[in-house]
């Protein structure tokens, strides 16, 4: 973001990083120390909005593991998971195990 003069009072504006609650990224802002006028950088603002939307959409549901047959376990997908991902019977999924406490399931 390029430093510029305040459109309200003509004073030089200062570049400031603004923290947003629940977001790790910060928004770049130009602020006038004299009159209080401010404006946000569109690119960094959209990054924060995208981050917050992704966090808000996270669906976390506790499920039980069930025994399917000899040495085979499985789980049923809760209807909220099915609806939010638009899952259909017979659809392919990919399963990866990045650590001993995490399973990642990708649709498609």
N, C-alpha and C. Protein backbone atom coordinates (compact mmCIF):
# COMPACT_ATOMS: atom_id res chain seq x y z
N UNK A 1 0.84 -1.18 0.00
CA UNK A 1 0.00 0.00 0.00
C UNK A 1 0.89 1.24 0.00
N UNK A 2 0.62 2.14 -0.89
CA UNK A 2 1.42 3.35 -1.03
C UNK A 2 0.91 4.44 -0.08
N UNK A 3 1.84 5.06 0.65
CA UNK A 3 1.48 6.15 1.56
C UNK A 3 0.96 7.33 0.72
N UNK A 4 -0.10 7.95 1.19
CA UNK A 4 -0.66 9.10 0.47
C UNK A 4 -1.20 10.12 1.46
N UNK A 5 -1.68 11.22 0.92
CA UNK A 5 -2.25 12.27 1.76
C UNK A 5 -3.71 11.97 2.07
N UNK A 6 -4.12 12.36 3.25
CA UNK A 6 -5.50 12.16 3.69
C UNK A 6 -6.44 12.99 2.81
N UNK A 7 -7.50 12.37 2.27
CA UNK A 7 -8.45 13.11 1.45
C UNK A 7 -9.31 14.10 2.25
N UNK A 8 -9.31 13.95 3.58
CA UNK A 8 -10.11 14.84 4.44
C UNK A 8 -9.34 16.11 4.84
N UNK A 9 -8.07 15.92 5.30
CA UNK A 9 -7.34 17.07 5.85
C UNK A 9 -6.00 17.33 5.16
N UNK A 10 -5.56 16.45 4.26
CA UNK A 10 -4.30 16.66 3.54
C UNK A 10 -3.05 16.24 4.28
N UNK A 11 -3.19 15.74 5.52
CA UNK A 11 -2.05 15.27 6.31
C UNK A 11 -1.55 13.94 5.74
N UNK A 12 -0.26 13.62 5.93
CA UNK A 12 0.26 12.33 5.49
C UNK A 12 -0.33 11.22 6.35
N UNK A 13 -0.75 10.16 5.68
CA UNK A 13 -1.35 9.03 6.38
C UNK A 13 -0.26 8.03 6.75
N UNK A 14 -0.52 7.24 7.80
CA UNK A 14 0.42 6.22 8.27
C UNK A 14 -0.12 4.85 7.91
N UNK A 15 0.80 3.95 7.52
CA UNK A 15 0.40 2.57 7.24
C UNK A 15 0.38 1.80 8.55
N UNK A 16 -0.73 1.07 8.78
CA UNK A 16 -0.93 0.34 10.03
C UNK A 16 -1.46 -1.06 9.69
N UNK A 17 -0.99 -2.07 10.42
CA UNK A 17 -1.56 -3.41 10.31
C UNK A 17 -2.66 -3.53 11.36
N UNK A 18 -3.84 -3.96 10.92
CA UNK A 18 -4.99 -4.06 11.82
C UNK A 18 -5.31 -5.53 12.07
N UNK A 19 -5.34 -5.91 13.34
CA UNK A 19 -5.71 -7.28 13.71
C UNK A 19 -7.23 -7.39 13.74
N UNK A 20 -7.73 -8.52 13.26
CA UNK A 20 -9.17 -8.79 13.26
C UNK A 20 -9.41 -10.01 14.14
N UNK A 21 -10.40 -9.92 15.01
CA UNK A 21 -10.70 -11.02 15.93
C UNK A 21 -10.95 -12.32 15.18
N UNK A 22 -10.36 -13.41 15.64
CA UNK A 22 -10.47 -14.76 15.08
C UNK A 22 -9.74 -14.95 13.75
N UNK A 23 -8.95 -13.96 13.32
CA UNK A 23 -8.19 -14.09 12.07
C UNK A 23 -6.70 -14.05 12.37
N UNK A 24 -5.95 -14.92 11.70
CA UNK A 24 -4.50 -14.91 11.86
C UNK A 24 -3.87 -13.82 10.99
N UNK A 25 -4.44 -13.61 9.79
CA UNK A 25 -3.95 -12.56 8.89
C UNK A 25 -4.37 -11.20 9.40
N UNK A 26 -3.63 -10.18 8.99
CA UNK A 26 -3.97 -8.80 9.35
C UNK A 26 -4.30 -8.01 8.10
N UNK A 27 -5.06 -6.94 8.27
CA UNK A 27 -5.43 -6.06 7.16
C UNK A 27 -4.52 -4.84 7.18
N UNK A 28 -4.00 -4.48 6.01
CA UNK A 28 -3.22 -3.26 5.88
C UNK A 28 -4.20 -2.09 5.80
N UNK A 29 -3.85 -1.01 6.49
CA UNK A 29 -4.72 0.16 6.52
C UNK A 29 -3.88 1.42 6.45
N UNK A 30 -4.43 2.46 5.84
CA UNK A 30 -3.83 3.79 5.90
C UNK A 30 -4.71 4.61 6.84
N UNK A 31 -4.06 5.26 7.82
CA UNK A 31 -4.81 6.02 8.82
C UNK A 31 -4.20 7.40 8.98
N UNK A 32 -5.07 8.39 9.12
CA UNK A 32 -4.62 9.76 9.33
C UNK A 32 -4.53 10.02 10.83
N UNK A 33 -3.32 10.34 11.33
CA UNK A 33 -3.17 10.60 12.76
C UNK A 33 -3.81 11.92 13.20
N UNK A 34 -4.09 12.80 12.24
CA UNK A 34 -4.64 14.12 12.58
C UNK A 34 -6.17 14.11 12.71
N UNK A 35 -6.87 13.60 11.69
CA UNK A 35 -8.34 13.68 11.71
C UNK A 35 -9.03 12.33 11.95
N UNK A 36 -8.26 11.22 11.90
CA UNK A 36 -8.85 9.91 12.17
C UNK A 36 -9.40 9.19 10.94
N UNK A 37 -9.31 9.80 9.76
CA UNK A 37 -9.76 9.14 8.54
C UNK A 37 -8.94 7.87 8.33
N UNK A 38 -9.58 6.81 7.82
CA UNK A 38 -8.84 5.59 7.52
C UNK A 38 -9.44 4.89 6.32
N UNK A 39 -8.63 4.05 5.68
CA UNK A 39 -9.10 3.19 4.60
C UNK A 39 -8.33 1.88 4.65
N UNK A 40 -8.99 0.80 4.22
CA UNK A 40 -8.38 -0.52 4.26
C UNK A 40 -7.93 -0.94 2.87
N UNK A 41 -6.85 -1.72 2.84
CA UNK A 41 -6.36 -2.31 1.60
C UNK A 41 -7.31 -3.43 1.19
N UNK A 42 -7.77 -3.39 -0.04
CA UNK A 42 -8.76 -4.35 -0.52
C UNK A 42 -8.21 -5.79 -0.52
N UNK A 43 -6.98 -5.97 -1.00
CA UNK A 43 -6.41 -7.32 -1.12
C UNK A 43 -6.26 -7.99 0.25
N UNK A 44 -5.64 -7.31 1.22
CA UNK A 44 -5.45 -7.92 2.54
C UNK A 44 -6.79 -8.05 3.26
N UNK A 45 -7.71 -7.15 2.99
CA UNK A 45 -9.05 -7.24 3.58
C UNK A 45 -9.79 -8.47 3.09
N UNK A 46 -9.69 -8.74 1.78
CA UNK A 46 -10.35 -9.92 1.21
C UNK A 46 -9.73 -11.21 1.73
N UNK A 47 -8.40 -11.20 1.96
CA UNK A 47 -7.74 -12.39 2.53
C UNK A 47 -8.29 -12.71 3.91
N UNK A 48 -8.50 -11.69 4.73
CA UNK A 48 -9.05 -11.89 6.08
C UNK A 48 -10.50 -12.37 6.00
N UNK A 49 -11.28 -11.78 5.11
CA UNK A 49 -12.68 -12.20 4.94
C UNK A 49 -12.73 -13.67 4.52
N UNK A 50 -11.88 -14.06 3.57
CA UNK A 50 -11.84 -15.45 3.11
C UNK A 50 -11.46 -16.39 4.26
N UNK A 51 -10.45 -15.99 5.06
CA UNK A 51 -10.03 -16.81 6.21
C UNK A 51 -11.17 -17.00 7.20
N UNK A 52 -11.87 -15.94 7.52
CA UNK A 52 -12.98 -16.02 8.48
C UNK A 52 -14.13 -16.86 7.93
N UNK A 53 -14.41 -16.74 6.63
CA UNK A 53 -15.48 -17.55 6.03
C UNK A 53 -15.14 -19.03 6.10
N UNK A 54 -13.87 -19.37 5.85
CA UNK A 54 -13.45 -20.77 5.91
C UNK A 54 -13.57 -21.32 7.33
N UNK A 55 -13.22 -20.52 8.32
CA UNK A 55 -13.34 -20.95 9.71
C UNK A 55 -14.80 -21.12 10.10
N UNK A 56 -15.64 -20.21 9.62
CA UNK A 56 -17.05 -20.24 9.96
C UNK A 56 -17.74 -21.46 9.37
N UNK A 57 -17.26 -21.91 8.21
CA UNK A 57 -17.90 -23.03 7.54
C UNK A 57 -17.42 -24.37 8.07
N UNK A 58 -16.41 -24.37 8.91
CA UNK A 58 -15.90 -25.63 9.43
C UNK A 58 -16.98 -26.35 10.23
N UNK A 59 -17.18 -27.59 9.90
CA UNK A 59 -18.19 -28.41 10.55
C UNK A 59 -17.47 -29.52 11.30
N UNK A 60 -17.63 -29.56 12.60
CA UNK A 60 -16.95 -30.56 13.41
C UNK A 60 -17.99 -31.30 14.22
N UNK A 61 -18.09 -32.61 13.97
CA UNK A 61 -19.09 -33.43 14.64
C UNK A 61 -18.41 -34.66 15.22
N UNK A 62 -18.73 -34.99 16.45
CA UNK A 62 -18.18 -36.18 17.08
C UNK A 62 -18.92 -37.41 16.57
N UNK A 63 -18.18 -38.42 16.13
CA UNK A 63 -18.75 -39.63 15.58
C UNK A 63 -18.18 -40.85 16.30
N UNK A 64 -18.88 -41.94 16.27
CA UNK A 64 -18.41 -43.22 16.82
C UNK A 64 -17.91 -44.09 15.69
N UNK A 65 -16.85 -44.84 15.96
CA UNK A 65 -16.35 -45.85 15.03
C UNK A 65 -17.17 -47.12 15.26
N UNK A 66 -17.61 -47.74 14.18
CA UNK A 66 -18.41 -48.97 14.29
C UNK A 66 -17.64 -50.15 13.69
N UNK A 67 -17.94 -51.35 14.19
CA UNK A 67 -17.32 -52.56 13.66
C UNK A 67 -18.17 -53.03 12.48
N UNK A 68 -17.51 -53.18 11.32
CA UNK A 68 -18.21 -53.63 10.12
C UNK A 68 -18.15 -55.15 10.00
N UNK A 69 -16.96 -55.69 10.10
CA UNK A 69 -16.77 -57.14 10.04
C UNK A 69 -15.39 -57.43 10.64
N UNK A 70 -14.95 -58.68 10.56
CA UNK A 70 -13.67 -59.09 11.14
C UNK A 70 -12.54 -58.15 10.71
N UNK A 71 -11.93 -57.45 11.67
CA UNK A 71 -10.79 -56.54 11.46
C UNK A 71 -11.10 -55.35 10.54
N UNK A 72 -12.38 -55.00 10.40
CA UNK A 72 -12.75 -53.83 9.59
C UNK A 72 -13.62 -52.90 10.42
N UNK A 73 -13.23 -51.64 10.44
CA UNK A 73 -13.99 -50.62 11.15
C UNK A 73 -14.50 -49.60 10.15
N UNK A 74 -15.48 -48.84 10.55
CA UNK A 74 -16.03 -47.83 9.67
C UNK A 74 -16.76 -46.76 10.46
N UNK A 75 -17.35 -45.83 9.74
CA UNK A 75 -18.17 -44.81 10.38
C UNK A 75 -19.24 -44.36 9.40
N UNK A 76 -20.35 -43.93 9.95
CA UNK A 76 -21.42 -43.38 9.14
C UNK A 76 -21.22 -41.87 9.08
N UNK A 77 -21.59 -41.28 7.95
CA UNK A 77 -21.55 -39.83 7.85
C UNK A 77 -22.87 -39.26 8.33
N UNK A 78 -22.81 -38.36 9.28
CA UNK A 78 -23.96 -37.64 9.80
C UNK A 78 -24.64 -36.90 8.65
N UNK A 79 -25.96 -36.74 8.71
CA UNK A 79 -26.70 -36.09 7.61
C UNK A 79 -26.21 -34.67 7.34
N UNK A 80 -25.72 -33.97 8.37
CA UNK A 80 -25.21 -32.61 8.18
C UNK A 80 -23.94 -32.61 7.34
N UNK A 81 -23.10 -33.62 7.53
CA UNK A 81 -21.88 -33.75 6.73
C UNK A 81 -22.27 -34.09 5.29
N UNK A 82 -23.19 -35.02 5.12
CA UNK A 82 -23.64 -35.42 3.78
C UNK A 82 -24.20 -34.21 3.03
N UNK A 83 -25.04 -33.44 3.71
CA UNK A 83 -25.67 -32.28 3.07
C UNK A 83 -24.65 -31.18 2.77
N UNK A 84 -23.75 -30.90 3.69
CA UNK A 84 -22.80 -29.80 3.48
C UNK A 84 -21.80 -30.10 2.38
N UNK A 85 -21.47 -31.40 2.17
CA UNK A 85 -20.53 -31.78 1.12
C UNK A 85 -21.23 -32.26 -0.15
N UNK A 86 -22.54 -32.44 -0.08
CA UNK A 86 -23.29 -32.93 -1.23
C UNK A 86 -22.89 -34.34 -1.63
N UNK A 87 -22.65 -35.19 -0.63
CA UNK A 87 -22.21 -36.57 -0.90
C UNK A 87 -23.33 -37.41 -1.47
N UNK A 88 -22.95 -38.33 -2.37
CA UNK A 88 -23.90 -39.26 -2.98
C UNK A 88 -23.38 -40.68 -2.80
N UNK A 89 -24.26 -41.67 -2.67
CA UNK A 89 -23.81 -43.07 -2.57
C UNK A 89 -22.98 -43.46 -3.79
N UNK A 90 -21.90 -44.19 -3.56
CA UNK A 90 -21.04 -44.65 -4.63
C UNK A 90 -19.98 -43.65 -5.05
N UNK A 91 -20.01 -42.44 -4.48
CA UNK A 91 -19.03 -41.41 -4.83
C UNK A 91 -17.65 -41.78 -4.29
N UNK A 92 -16.61 -41.49 -5.05
CA UNK A 92 -15.24 -41.77 -4.61
C UNK A 92 -14.75 -40.71 -3.63
N UNK A 93 -14.00 -41.16 -2.63
CA UNK A 93 -13.32 -40.25 -1.70
C UNK A 93 -11.87 -40.70 -1.59
N UNK A 94 -11.00 -39.77 -1.19
CA UNK A 94 -9.59 -40.09 -0.93
C UNK A 94 -9.35 -39.91 0.56
N UNK A 95 -8.63 -40.85 1.15
CA UNK A 95 -8.34 -40.80 2.58
C UNK A 95 -6.83 -40.74 2.76
N UNK A 96 -6.36 -39.77 3.56
CA UNK A 96 -4.93 -39.70 3.88
C UNK A 96 -4.79 -39.59 5.39
N UNK A 97 -3.64 -40.04 5.89
CA UNK A 97 -3.37 -40.04 7.32
C UNK A 97 -2.06 -39.29 7.56
N UNK A 98 -2.13 -37.96 7.80
CA UNK A 98 -0.91 -37.18 7.98
C UNK A 98 -0.24 -37.35 9.35
N UNK A 99 -0.98 -37.85 10.33
CA UNK A 99 -0.41 -38.09 11.66
C UNK A 99 -1.26 -39.14 12.37
N UNK A 100 -0.81 -39.56 13.55
CA UNK A 100 -1.55 -40.59 14.30
C UNK A 100 -2.88 -40.09 14.84
N UNK A 101 -3.13 -38.78 14.83
CA UNK A 101 -4.37 -38.24 15.38
C UNK A 101 -5.22 -37.52 14.34
N UNK A 102 -4.90 -37.70 13.06
CA UNK A 102 -5.65 -36.95 12.04
C UNK A 102 -5.89 -37.81 10.80
N UNK A 103 -7.12 -37.77 10.31
CA UNK A 103 -7.50 -38.40 9.06
C UNK A 103 -8.09 -37.30 8.19
N UNK A 104 -7.66 -37.24 6.94
CA UNK A 104 -8.20 -36.26 6.01
C UNK A 104 -8.97 -37.01 4.93
N UNK A 105 -10.21 -36.62 4.72
CA UNK A 105 -11.04 -37.22 3.69
C UNK A 105 -11.34 -36.15 2.66
N UNK A 106 -11.01 -36.44 1.39
CA UNK A 106 -11.28 -35.49 0.32
C UNK A 106 -12.29 -36.10 -0.63
N UNK A 107 -13.27 -35.30 -1.02
CA UNK A 107 -14.30 -35.73 -1.93
C UNK A 107 -13.81 -35.54 -3.36
N UNK A 108 -14.09 -36.55 -4.21
CA UNK A 108 -13.75 -36.41 -5.63
C UNK A 108 -12.52 -37.06 -5.95
